């Protein structure tokens, strides 16, 4: 198995208006499908999906770089992302396949706050030290 890493934003539902999502996001998906379409691991996909992958190549093995490359694309569309999250199931997915390395994944409180801003408007992320991060409901 070769090493690879990637991150993506995913919207899923049984009946997903793919063209509407593309129009609202203002950019085309990296991948999209209808319920029942054949998939890589499924002969028939159980739902419809719309995905936007990090623009970095999968040979970039540091997941935090993929996340940081994808976040500005979502942040620029924060209102649309928030609305999609209210209407459909949404995911921020990070995947890493590593055979010979074990890179860690860490974020500062500020990075966590920025990452979740498109989805969550009522959380405040605070840090009392560089090693202790807590989330509080507003």
C-alpha atoms as a PDB file:
ATOM      1  CA  UNK A   1       0.000   0.000   0.000  1.00  0.00           C
ATOM      2  CA  UNK A   2       1.398   3.409  -0.926  1.00  0.00           C
ATOM      3  CA  UNK A   3       1.158   6.255   1.524  1.00  0.00           C
ATOM      4  CA  UNK A   4      -1.380   8.994   0.896  1.00  0.00           C
ATOM      5  CA  UNK A   5      -3.438  11.568   2.752  1.00  0.00           C
ATOM      6  CA  UNK A   6      -6.376  13.826   1.983  1.00  0.00           C
ATOM      7  CA  UNK A   7      -9.211  15.802   3.541  1.00  0.00           C
ATOM      8  CA  UNK A   8     -12.622  16.663   2.162  1.00  0.00           C
ATOM      9  CA  UNK A   9     -15.985  18.251   2.874  1.00  0.00           C
ATOM     10  CA  UNK A  10     -18.883  15.904   2.197  1.00  0.00           C
ATOM     11  CA  UNK A  11     -22.639  16.423   1.932  1.00  0.00           C
ATOM     12  CA  UNK A  12     -24.879  13.330   1.898  1.00  0.00           C
ATOM     13  CA  UNK A  13     -28.611  12.558   1.789  1.00  0.00           C
ATOM     14  CA  UNK A  14     -30.968  10.126   0.109  1.00  0.00           C
ATOM     15  CA  UNK A  15     -32.126  12.793  -2.313  1.00  0.00           C
ATOM     16  CA  UNK A  16     -29.479  15.475  -2.792  1.00  0.00           C
ATOM     17  CA  UNK A  17     -29.867  18.415  -5.218  1.00  0.00           C
ATOM     18  CA  UNK A  18     -26.338  18.143  -6.646  1.00  0.00           C
ATOM     19  CA  UNK A  19     -26.729  20.994  -9.145  1.00  0.00           C
ATOM     20  CA  UNK A  20     -28.148  23.294  -6.462  1.00  0.00           C
ATOM     21  CA  UNK A  21     -25.228  22.565  -4.120  1.00  0.00           C
ATOM     22  CA  UNK A  22     -22.727  23.226  -6.907  1.00  0.00           C
ATOM     23  CA  UNK A  23     -24.469  26.497  -7.756  1.00  0.00           C
ATOM     24  CA  UNK A  24     -24.704  27.623  -4.114  1.00  0.00           C
ATOM     25  CA  UNK A  25     -21.067  26.722  -3.397  1.00  0.00           C
ATOM     26  CA  UNK A  26     -19.910  28.497  -6.540  1.00  0.00           C
ATOM     27  CA  UNK A  27     -17.564  25.684  -7.514  1.00  0.00           C
ATOM     28  CA  UNK A  28     -17.813  22.177  -8.839  1.00  0.00           C
ATOM     29  CA  UNK A  29     -17.418  19.132  -6.619  1.00  0.00           C
ATOM     30  CA  UNK A  30     -14.311  16.997  -6.727  1.00  0.00           C
ATOM     31  CA  UNK A  31     -16.689  14.046  -6.697  1.00  0.00           C
ATOM     32  CA  UNK A  32     -20.468  13.644  -6.709  1.00  0.00           C
ATOM     33  CA  UNK A  33     -22.939  10.806  -7.192  1.00  0.00           C
ATOM     34  CA  UNK A  34     -26.615   9.868  -7.025  1.00  0.00           C
ATOM     35  CA  UNK A  35     -28.125   7.246  -4.749  1.00  0.00           C
ATOM     36  CA  UNK A  36     -27.728   3.859  -6.417  1.00  0.00           C
ATOM     37  CA  UNK A  37     -24.705   4.827  -8.535  1.00  0.00           C
ATOM     38  CA  UNK A  38     -21.867   2.304  -8.430  1.00  0.00           C
ATOM     39  CA  UNK A  39     -19.074   3.192  -6.042  1.00  0.00           C
ATOM     40  CA  UNK A  40     -15.478   2.130  -5.561  1.00  0.00           C
ATOM     41  CA  UNK A  41     -16.304  -0.041  -2.534  1.00  0.00           C
ATOM     42  CA  UNK A  42     -20.074  -0.394  -3.024  1.00  0.00           C
ATOM     43  CA  UNK A  43     -21.875  -1.913  -6.002  1.00  0.00           C
ATOM     44  CA  UNK A  44     -24.683   0.569  -5.258  1.00  0.00           C
ATOM     45  CA  UNK A  45     -24.155   3.739  -3.204  1.00  0.00           C
ATOM     46  CA  UNK A  46     -26.645   3.972  -0.294  1.00  0.00           C
ATOM     47  CA  UNK A  47     -27.084   7.747  -0.655  1.00  0.00           C
ATOM     48  CA  UNK A  48     -26.279  10.721  -2.863  1.00  0.00           C
ATOM     49  CA  UNK A  49     -23.120  12.715  -2.193  1.00  0.00           C
ATOM     50  CA  UNK A  50     -21.232  15.897  -3.041  1.00  0.00           C
ATOM     51  CA  UNK A  51     -17.552  16.190  -2.039  1.00  0.00           C
ATOM     52  CA  UNK A  52     -14.952  18.929  -2.172  1.00  0.00           C
ATOM     53  CA  UNK A  53     -11.417  17.650  -1.621  1.00  0.00           C
ATOM     54  CA  UNK A  54      -8.335  19.562  -0.516  1.00  0.00           C
ATOM     55  CA  UNK A  55      -6.532  21.011  -3.538  1.00  0.00           C
ATOM     56  CA  UNK A  56      -3.264  19.414  -2.396  1.00  0.00           C
ATOM     57  CA  UNK A  57      -2.038  16.169  -3.978  1.00  0.00           C
ATOM     58  CA  UNK A  58      -2.552  12.979  -1.992  1.00  0.00           C
ATOM     59  CA  UNK A  59       1.218  12.574  -1.900  1.00  0.00           C
ATOM     60  CA  UNK A  60       1.236  15.422   0.663  1.00  0.00           C
ATOM     61  CA  UNK A  61       1.192  13.247   3.785  1.00  0.00           C
ATOM     62  CA  UNK A  62       0.696  15.951   6.426  1.00  0.00           C
ATOM     63  CA  UNK A  63      -3.045  15.990   7.118  1.00  0.00           C
ATOM     64  CA  UNK A  64      -2.988  19.402   8.766  1.00  0.00           C
ATOM     65  CA  UNK A  65      -1.769  20.895   5.463  1.00  0.00           C
ATOM     66  CA  UNK A  66      -4.738  19.363   3.638  1.00  0.00           C
ATOM     67  CA  UNK A  67      -7.090  20.748   6.274  1.00  0.00           C
ATOM     68  CA  UNK A  68      -5.510  24.201   6.130  1.00  0.00           C
ATOM     69  CA  UNK A  69      -5.762  24.174   2.309  1.00  0.00           C
ATOM     70  CA  UNK A  70      -9.451  23.183   2.387  1.00  0.00           C
ATOM     71  CA  UNK A  71     -10.643  25.491   5.172  1.00  0.00           C
ATOM     72  CA  UNK A  72     -10.342  28.763   3.204  1.00  0.00           C
ATOM     73  CA  UNK A  73     -12.548  27.284   0.466  1.00  0.00           C
ATOM     74  CA  UNK A  74     -15.203  26.499   3.075  1.00  0.00           C
ATOM     75  CA  UNK A  75     -14.714  29.678   5.104  1.00  0.00           C
ATOM     76  CA  UNK A  76     -15.404  31.779   1.996  1.00  0.00           C
ATOM     77  CA  UNK A  77     -18.723  29.917   1.760  1.00  0.00           C
ATOM     78  CA  UNK A  78     -19.480  29.705   5.490  1.00  0.00           C
ATOM     79  CA  UNK A  79     -23.147  30.708   5.200  1.00  0.00           C
ATOM     80  CA  UNK A  80     -23.782  28.109   2.499  1.00  0.00           C
ATOM     81  CA  UNK A  81     -21.879  25.437   4.453  1.00  0.00           C
ATOM     82  CA  UNK A  82     -23.914  26.225   7.572  1.00  0.00           C
ATOM     83  CA  UNK A  83     -27.180  26.036   5.616  1.00  0.00           C
ATOM     84  CA  UNK A  84     -26.168  22.738   3.999  1.00  0.00           C
ATOM     85  CA  UNK A  85     -25.354  21.396   7.473  1.00  0.00           C
ATOM     86  CA  UNK A  86     -28.858  22.286   8.616  1.00  0.00           C
ATOM     87  CA  UNK A  87     -30.541  20.652   5.615  1.00  0.00           C
ATOM     88  CA  UNK A  88     -28.327  17.603   5.054  1.00  0.00           C
ATOM     89  CA  UNK A  89     -25.737  15.436   6.727  1.00  0.00           C
ATOM     90  CA  UNK A  90     -22.305  17.070   6.369  1.00  0.00           C
ATOM     91  CA  UNK A  91     -18.854  15.778   7.186  1.00  0.00           C
ATOM     92  CA  UNK A  92     -15.300  17.071   7.315  1.00  0.00           C
ATOM     93  CA  UNK A  93     -13.306  13.920   6.604  1.00  0.00           C
ATOM     94  CA  UNK A  94      -9.568  13.369   7.041  1.00  0.00           C
ATOM     95  CA  UNK A  95      -7.904  10.234   5.683  1.00  0.00           C
ATOM     96  CA  UNK A  96      -4.314   9.070   5.963  1.00  0.00           C
ATOM     97  CA  UNK A  97      -2.753   5.835   4.737  1.00  0.00           C
ATOM     98  CA  UNK A  98       0.703   5.395   6.229  1.00  0.00           C
ATOM     99  CA  UNK A  99       2.980   2.378   5.857  1.00  0.00           C
ATOM    100  CA  UNK A 100       6.326   3.741   6.996  1.00  0.00           C
ATOM    101  CA  UNK A 101       5.536   6.902   8.918  1.00  0.00           C
ATOM    102  CA  UNK A 102       3.241   7.972  11.740  1.00  0.00           C
ATOM    103  CA  UNK A 103       2.682  11.709  11.488  1.00  0.00           C
ATOM    104  CA  UNK A 104       0.811  13.344  14.331  1.00  0.00           C
ATOM    105  CA  UNK A 105      -2.082  15.732  13.957  1.00  0.00           C
ATOM    106  CA  UNK A 106      -2.331  18.732  16.247  1.00  0.00           C
ATOM    107  CA  UNK A 107      -4.101  22.083  16.246  1.00  0.00           C
ATOM    108  CA  UNK A 108      -4.031  25.214  18.355  1.00  0.00           C
ATOM    109  CA  UNK A 109      -7.233  26.507  19.942  1.00  0.00           C
ATOM    110  CA  UNK A 110      -7.360  29.251  17.276  1.00  0.00           C
ATOM    111  CA  UNK A 111      -7.073  26.682  14.463  1.00  0.00           C
ATOM    112  CA  UNK A 112      -9.889  24.617  15.980  1.00  0.00           C
ATOM    113  CA  UNK A 113     -12.073  27.709  16.262  1.00  0.00           C
ATOM    114  CA  UNK A 114     -11.400  28.639  12.624  1.00  0.00           C
ATOM    115  CA  UNK A 115     -12.008  25.072  11.445  1.00  0.00           C
ATOM    116  CA  UNK A 116     -15.452  24.833  13.048  1.00  0.00           C
ATOM    117  CA  UNK A 117     -16.638  28.379  12.301  1.00  0.00           C
ATOM    118  CA  UNK A 118     -18.454  27.421   9.065  1.00  0.00           C
ATOM    119  CA  UNK A 119     -20.564  24.849  10.943  1.00  0.00           C
ATOM    120  CA  UNK A 120     -21.004  26.028  14.497  1.00  0.00           C
ATOM    121  CA  UNK A 121     -21.952  29.539  15.495  1.00  0.00           C
ATOM    122  CA  UNK A 122     -22.538  28.952  19.226  1.00  0.00           C
ATOM    123  CA  UNK A 123     -19.244  27.467  20.389  1.00  0.00           C
ATOM    124  CA  UNK A 124     -16.332  29.325  21.906  1.00  0.00           C
ATOM    125  CA  UNK A 125     -12.973  27.556  21.931  1.00  0.00           C
ATOM    126  CA  UNK A 126     -10.680  28.672  24.719  1.00  0.00           C
ATOM    127  CA  UNK A 127      -7.225  27.670  25.780  1.00  0.00           C
ATOM    128  CA  UNK A 128      -5.866  28.065  29.296  1.00  0.00           C
ATOM    129  CA  UNK A 129      -2.468  26.802  28.214  1.00  0.00           C
ATOM    130  CA  UNK A 130      -0.853  25.450  25.077  1.00  0.00           C
ATOM    131  CA  UNK A 131      -1.784  21.907  26.161  1.00  0.00           C
ATOM    132  CA  UNK A 132      -5.291  22.375  27.579  1.00  0.00           C
ATOM    133  CA  UNK A 133      -8.130  23.229  25.201  1.00  0.00           C
ATOM    134  CA  UNK A 134     -11.820  23.282  26.112  1.00  0.00           C
ATOM    135  CA  UNK A 135     -15.044  23.961  24.221  1.00  0.00           C
ATOM    136  CA  UNK A 136     -17.933  25.792  25.846  1.00  0.00           C
ATOM    137  CA  UNK A 137     -21.493  26.361  24.644  1.00  0.00           C
ATOM    138  CA  UNK A 138     -22.357  30.051  24.428  1.00  0.00           C
END
